[in-house]
Amino acid sequence: MNIDYFCFSVPSLNTTDLIVKKSDNEKICLLKEKELELMDMARERHMLILFNRQDKKFYADEEIIDVKDKVIFPRSLVMYEKELLNALASSLAMVVETNEDVIKIEHWPLYIKPLYREIVVTNFQEFKENALKYKEHFKNIFIQTSKKSDIHFILKNYGYLDLGYKKMFVFNPRINIDDKEEIFLSEAFNYVTDFNHNLDPTIYKAFILNKELLSIARVNVKYKESISDDVLIFICSLLKHIEEIPHFPPSYTLLVGEMIVDGKRVIDIVRFESLCSSSLEMGNNLMKEIPKGQALKRL
């Protein structure tokens, strides 16, 4: 698939959201550096445009440009994703991922089931109201919010505490989740630990563009690492299956992991993420396989 331009959402033409701060941990610093590397590579190939959130216009080399009919690969922090995708759609760009796509990707368990674990889609209020039912259904509950975030945990203890004048739902670990928040429930699982590199968990991130594998990399490593045949075979088989699912987006980010389920070592789906806002790993190179498209029309 030819891509004309990578489009990055920025607060202004003079800065980005990728400036390293003193409060950033090592992981955040590496993610920002990797995204800046992608911006530099796009600039070198004359494939970089910026969406200025101040005036809501698109720029190339500080000149306002027309993105109509251009094939655009969007990049943004998750909080600015909707704004960027709306702006591209309003400008009649041919964006590889839309806001409608993002909604479907966030609700991926409604379309795609992991091979080795059941996922229940509900909200936190319903979960609290039926806590006893879920306690009987799952031995240990793994909870993840549908929105792309770091809110995922194994719920160790939960239930209603009778205070006499009222019953209060308590759970450990204590996480701030709104009652209306959509959540995914499944049986808890353990990732396979890589003792050779002292790494845990063993997760891989694959960027899928127009139903084809664009890039795959190990998550949370500081170096590029070869991917095992078992992982590649699983992903390629899964992509063929997803092609047959009606209305599922053709472009997305897929995370798979090596995990222990019922005492067996397996490879399975961890989650799906938006292509636009999913962070890059050290081994992800989105520019490598993308041919250059058309030239821009300046206004």
Protein backbone atom coordinates (compact mmCIF):
# COMPACT_ATOMS: atom_id res chain seq x y z
CA MET A 1 0.00 0.00 0.00
CA ASN A 2 1.41 3.40 -0.97
CA ILE A 3 1.38 6.06 1.74
CA ASP A 4 1.65 9.68 0.67
CA TYR A 5 2.37 11.22 4.06
CA PHE A 6 2.72 10.64 7.78
CA CYS A 7 0.69 13.24 9.65
CA PHE A 8 1.65 14.13 13.23
CA SER A 9 -0.58 16.11 15.59
CA VAL A 10 1.44 18.88 17.29
CA PRO A 11 0.51 21.65 19.76
CA SER A 12 2.15 24.23 17.46
CA LEU A 13 4.59 24.40 14.55
CA ASN A 14 7.43 25.17 16.98
CA THR A 15 7.03 22.19 19.30
CA THR A 16 5.77 18.62 19.65
CA ASP A 17 4.25 16.41 22.34
CA LEU A 18 7.49 14.44 22.36
CA ILE A 19 9.77 16.72 24.39
CA VAL A 20 11.45 14.68 27.13
CA LYS A 21 10.59 15.92 30.63
CA LYS A 22 12.44 15.41 33.91
CA SER A 23 9.44 13.47 35.22
CA ASP A 24 9.57 10.96 32.32
CA ASN A 25 10.81 7.51 33.21
CA GLU A 26 13.20 5.56 30.99
CA LYS A 27 10.38 3.79 29.12
CA ILE A 28 8.61 7.06 28.26
CA CYS A 29 11.89 8.60 27.10
CA LEU A 30 12.54 5.67 24.75
CA LEU A 31 9.01 5.86 23.32
CA LYS A 32 9.36 9.58 22.64
CA GLU A 33 12.77 9.11 21.03
CA LYS A 34 11.39 6.39 18.77
CA GLU A 35 8.49 8.59 17.64
CA LEU A 36 10.87 11.48 16.94
CA GLU A 37 12.96 9.09 14.88
CA LEU A 38 9.89 8.32 12.77
CA MET A 39 9.23 12.04 12.28
CA ASP A 40 12.84 12.59 11.15
CA MET A 41 12.67 9.69 8.69
CA ALA A 42 9.40 11.00 7.25
CA ARG A 43 10.97 14.45 6.88
CA GLU A 44 13.99 13.00 5.06
CA ARG A 45 11.71 11.25 2.57
CA HIS A 46 9.52 14.35 2.16
CA MET A 47 6.61 12.46 3.69
CA LEU A 48 6.05 14.63 6.78
CA ILE A 49 3.06 16.87 7.41
CA LEU A 50 1.97 18.43 10.69
CA PHE A 51 -1.50 19.10 12.03
CA ASN A 52 -1.27 22.31 14.04
CA ARG A 53 -3.77 22.12 16.91
CA GLN A 54 -3.64 25.92 17.31
CA ASP A 55 -5.18 26.85 13.94
CA LYS A 56 -6.41 23.34 12.90
CA LYS A 57 -4.49 23.43 9.61
CA PHE A 58 -2.05 21.07 7.91
CA TYR A 59 1.54 22.12 7.16
CA ALA A 60 4.53 20.86 5.19
CA ASP A 61 7.78 22.82 5.57
CA GLU A 62 5.80 25.53 7.43
CA GLU A 63 3.45 26.05 4.46
CA ILE A 64 -0.28 25.28 4.60
CA ILE A 65 -1.07 22.33 2.36
CA ASP A 66 -4.10 20.54 0.93
CA VAL A 67 -4.43 16.89 2.03
CA LYS A 68 -7.49 16.10 -0.10
CA ASP A 69 -7.25 12.65 -1.73
CA LYS A 70 -3.83 12.02 -0.15
CA VAL A 71 -3.25 8.68 1.61
CA ILE A 72 -2.34 9.62 5.17
CA PHE A 73 -0.84 7.57 8.01
CA PRO A 74 -1.90 9.49 11.18
CA ARG A 75 0.20 9.67 14.36
CA SER A 76 -0.98 11.22 17.61
CA LEU A 77 -1.11 10.84 21.36
CA VAL A 78 -4.32 9.09 22.33
CA MET A 79 -5.92 12.25 23.81
CA TYR A 80 -5.58 14.09 20.47
CA GLU A 81 -6.39 11.15 18.21
CA LYS A 82 -10.08 11.91 17.67
CA GLU A 83 -9.37 15.55 16.78
CA LEU A 84 -6.71 14.59 14.22
CA LEU A 85 -8.82 11.90 12.55
CA ASN A 86 -11.82 14.24 12.37
CA ALA A 87 -9.69 16.97 10.79
CA LEU A 88 -8.33 14.56 8.18
CA ALA A 89 -11.80 13.27 7.37
CA SER A 90 -13.17 16.82 7.05
CA SER A 91 -10.32 17.66 4.67
CA LEU A 92 -11.24 14.63 2.52
CA ALA A 93 -7.92 12.89 3.07
CA MET A 94 -7.74 9.16 2.49
CA VAL A 95 -6.70 8.29 6.03
CA VAL A 96 -5.68 4.70 6.74
CA GLU A 97 -7.61 4.72 10.04
CA THR A 98 -10.82 6.57 10.93
CA ASN A 99 -12.56 7.35 14.20
CA GLU A 100 -15.11 4.69 13.30
CA ASP A 101 -12.24 2.23 12.96
CA VAL A 102 -10.87 3.23 16.37
CA ILE A 103 -14.23 2.48 18.04
CA LYS A 104 -14.29 -1.00 16.52
CA ILE A 105 -10.68 -1.64 17.51
CA GLU A 106 -11.44 -0.59 21.10
CA HIS A 107 -14.29 -3.12 21.12
CA TRP A 108 -12.25 -5.90 19.51
CA PRO A 109 -13.60 -8.76 21.73
CA LEU A 110 -17.00 -8.26 20.07
CA TYR A 111 -15.40 -9.30 16.76
CA ILE A 112 -12.44 -11.53 17.66
CA LYS A 113 -12.02 -14.12 20.41
CA PRO A 114 -8.67 -15.22 21.85
CA LEU A 115 -7.94 -18.90 21.36
CA TYR A 116 -7.27 -19.82 24.97
CA ARG A 117 -9.36 -17.55 27.17
CA GLU A 118 -12.89 -16.23 27.33
CA ILE A 119 -13.49 -12.47 27.46
CA VAL A 120 -16.65 -10.93 28.87
CA VAL A 121 -17.50 -7.36 27.78
CA THR A 122 -19.40 -5.35 30.37
CA ASN A 123 -19.11 -2.18 32.48
CA PHE A 124 -17.83 -1.72 36.01
CA GLN A 125 -21.30 -1.11 37.47
CA GLU A 126 -22.66 -4.39 36.07
CA PHE A 127 -19.56 -6.19 37.32
CA LYS A 128 -20.14 -4.89 40.86
CA GLU A 129 -23.83 -5.82 40.79
CA ASN A 130 -22.99 -9.38 39.73
CA ALA A 131 -19.73 -9.85 41.60
CA LEU A 132 -20.75 -13.21 43.06
CA LYS A 133 -21.62 -14.58 39.62
CA TYR A 134 -18.24 -13.55 38.23
CA LYS A 135 -16.44 -14.96 41.28
CA GLU A 136 -17.95 -18.35 40.48
CA HIS A 137 -17.23 -18.02 36.74
CA PHE A 138 -13.56 -17.00 37.00
CA LYS A 139 -10.93 -18.35 39.38
CA ASN A 140 -8.90 -15.13 39.16
CA ILE A 141 -10.21 -12.14 37.21
CA PHE A 142 -8.07 -10.08 34.85
CA ILE A 143 -9.67 -6.67 34.19
CA GLN A 144 -8.79 -4.31 31.36
CA THR A 145 -10.55 -1.14 30.23
CA SER A 146 -11.65 -0.92 26.60
CA LYS A 147 -9.98 2.46 26.16
CA LYS A 148 -6.28 2.39 25.37
CA SER A 149 -4.73 2.96 28.77
CA ASP A 150 -2.55 1.40 31.45
CA ILE A 151 -5.60 0.31 33.47
CA HIS A 152 -5.31 -3.46 33.60
CA PHE A 153 -4.82 -5.63 36.66
CA ILE A 154 -5.62 -8.93 38.35
CA LEU A 155 -8.42 -8.46 40.86
CA LYS A 156 -7.28 -10.38 43.93
CA ASN A 157 -10.06 -9.65 46.43
CA TYR A 158 -13.45 -8.06 45.85
CA GLY A 159 -17.01 -8.02 47.16
CA TYR A 160 -19.47 -6.03 49.25
CA LEU A 161 -18.62 -4.94 52.78
CA ASP A 162 -21.65 -4.62 55.09
CA LEU A 163 -21.26 -1.42 57.10
CA GLY A 164 -24.64 -1.81 58.79
CA TYR A 165 -26.20 1.30 57.29
CA LYS A 166 -25.04 0.45 53.75
CA LYS A 167 -23.07 -2.04 51.66
CA MET A 168 -19.90 -0.80 50.01
CA PHE A 169 -18.11 -2.55 47.16
CA VAL A 170 -14.42 -2.97 47.93
CA PHE A 171 -11.64 -4.48 45.83
CA ASN A 172 -7.87 -4.94 45.80
CA PRO A 173 -5.89 -3.51 44.15
CA ARG A 174 -7.79 -0.24 44.48
CA ILE A 175 -8.05 1.42 41.04
CA ASN A 176 -10.12 4.47 40.11
CA ILE A 177 -12.66 3.22 37.53
CA ASP A 178 -15.93 4.96 36.68
CA ASP A 179 -19.07 2.82 37.00
CA LYS A 180 -19.90 3.42 33.32
CA GLU A 181 -16.41 2.47 32.16
CA GLU A 182 -16.48 -0.42 29.71
CA ILE A 183 -14.26 -3.28 30.82
CA PHE A 184 -13.11 -6.67 29.59
CA LEU A 185 -13.09 -9.58 32.04
CA SER A 186 -11.11 -12.79 31.55
CA GLU A 187 -9.33 -15.50 33.47
CA ALA A 188 -5.99 -14.25 34.75
CA PHE A 189 -2.92 -15.60 33.00
CA ASN A 190 0.85 -15.45 33.38
CA TYR A 191 3.21 -14.32 30.65
CA VAL A 192 6.23 -16.44 29.82
CA THR A 193 9.40 -14.99 31.35
CA ASP A 194 12.48 -14.65 29.15
CA PHE A 195 15.15 -15.81 31.59
CA ASN A 196 17.91 -15.40 28.99
CA HIS A 197 17.38 -11.63 28.97
CA ASN A 198 15.67 -11.34 32.39
CA LEU A 199 12.57 -9.91 30.72
CA ASP A 200 8.94 -10.29 31.67
CA PRO A 201 6.50 -10.32 29.95
CA THR A 202 7.10 -11.79 26.48
CA ILE A 203 4.84 -9.61 24.29
CA TYR A 204 5.11 -8.61 20.64
CA LYS A 205 3.61 -5.60 18.88
CA ALA A 206 2.61 -5.84 15.22
CA PHE A 207 1.49 -2.91 13.06
CA ILE A 208 -1.02 -4.06 10.44
CA LEU A 209 -1.58 -1.83 7.40
CA ASN A 210 -4.35 -2.67 4.94
CA LYS A 211 -4.50 -6.29 6.23
CA GLU A 212 -0.77 -6.84 5.80
CA LEU A 213 1.96 -7.14 8.44
CA LEU A 214 3.98 -3.92 8.27
CA SER A 215 6.25 -4.24 11.31
CA ILE A 216 6.65 -6.46 14.36
CA ALA A 217 8.85 -6.02 17.44
CA ARG A 218 9.34 -7.26 20.97
CA VAL A 219 7.75 -4.97 23.57
CA ASN A 220 9.82 -3.18 26.22
CA VAL A 221 13.29 -4.07 25.00
CA LYS A 222 16.07 -1.59 24.24
CA TYR A 223 17.34 -3.43 21.19
CA LYS A 224 16.04 -5.01 18.00
CA GLU A 225 15.40 -8.72 18.39
CA SER A 226 14.56 -11.47 15.92
CA ILE A 227 11.02 -12.85 16.14
CA SER A 228 10.50 -16.59 16.53
CA ASP A 229 8.81 -18.58 13.78
CA ASP A 230 6.05 -19.64 16.19
CA VAL A 231 5.04 -16.01 16.81
CA LEU A 232 5.16 -15.12 13.10
CA ILE A 233 3.10 -18.19 12.14
CA PHE A 234 0.50 -17.33 14.79
CA ILE A 235 0.19 -13.72 13.61
CA CYS A 236 -0.02 -14.64 9.91
CA SER A 237 -2.70 -17.24 10.65
CA LEU A 238 -4.62 -14.73 12.75
CA LEU A 239 -4.48 -12.11 9.96
CA LYS A 240 -6.07 -14.58 7.53
CA HIS A 241 -8.85 -15.21 10.04
CA ILE A 242 -9.43 -11.48 10.63
CA GLU A 243 -9.75 -10.89 6.87
CA GLU A 244 -12.94 -12.97 6.97
CA ILE A 245 -14.53 -10.93 9.78
CA PRO A 246 -17.07 -8.46 8.33
CA HIS A 247 -16.57 -4.76 9.05
CA PHE A 248 -13.38 -5.10 11.10
CA PRO A 249 -10.85 -2.37 10.16
CA PRO A 250 -8.02 -3.29 7.77
CA SER A 251 -5.40 -1.31 9.74
CA TYR A 252 -4.64 -1.63 13.46
CA THR A 253 -2.00 -2.61 15.99
CA LEU A 254 -2.00 -6.15 17.36
CA LEU A 255 -0.31 -7.33 20.56
CA VAL A 256 0.26 -11.04 21.12
CA GLY A 257 2.00 -12.75 23.98
CA GLU A 258 3.59 -16.00 25.04
CA MET A 259 1.61 -17.01 28.11
CA ILE A 260 0.82 -19.89 30.44
CA VAL A 261 -2.83 -21.00 30.27
CA ASP A 262 -3.97 -24.10 32.21
CA GLY A 263 -0.33 -25.03 32.68
CA LYS A 264 0.46 -24.90 28.96
CA ARG A 265 2.74 -22.49 27.12
CA VAL A 266 0.72 -20.86 24.31
CA ILE A 267 0.70 -17.81 22.05
CA ASP A 268 -2.49 -15.76 22.09
CA ILE A 269 -4.00 -12.33 21.59
CA VAL A 270 -3.28 -9.79 24.33
CA ARG A 271 -5.18 -6.84 22.86
CA PHE A 272 -5.68 -4.60 19.82
CA GLU A 273 -4.79 -0.90 19.69
CA SER A 274 -5.36 2.00 17.35
CA LEU A 275 -2.75 2.37 14.61
CA CYS A 276 -2.73 6.15 15.11
CA SER A 277 -1.84 6.30 18.81
CA SER A 278 -0.07 3.00 19.50
CA SER A 279 3.51 3.63 20.62
CA LEU A 280 6.52 2.32 18.72
CA GLU A 281 8.91 -0.29 20.07
CA MET A 282 12.63 -0.36 19.32
CA GLY A 283 12.20 -2.92 16.54
CA ASN A 284 9.25 -1.20 14.85
CA ASN A 285 10.21 0.57 11.62
CA LEU A 286 7.11 1.89 9.90
CA MET A 287 9.04 3.59 7.12
CA LYS A 288 10.96 0.54 5.94
CA GLU A 289 8.28 -1.13 3.82
CA ILE A 290 6.15 1.86 2.81
CA PRO A 291 6.60 3.16 -0.76
CA LYS A 292 6.29 6.89 -1.40
CA GLY A 293 3.07 8.14 -2.97
CA GLN A 294 2.12 11.47 -4.54
CA ALA A 295 3.36 15.02 -4.14
CA LEU A 296 1.47 17.56 -2.06
CA LYS A 297 -0.52 20.45 -3.39
CA ARG A 298 0.36 23.69 -1.57
CA LEU A 299 -2.28 26.31 -0.91
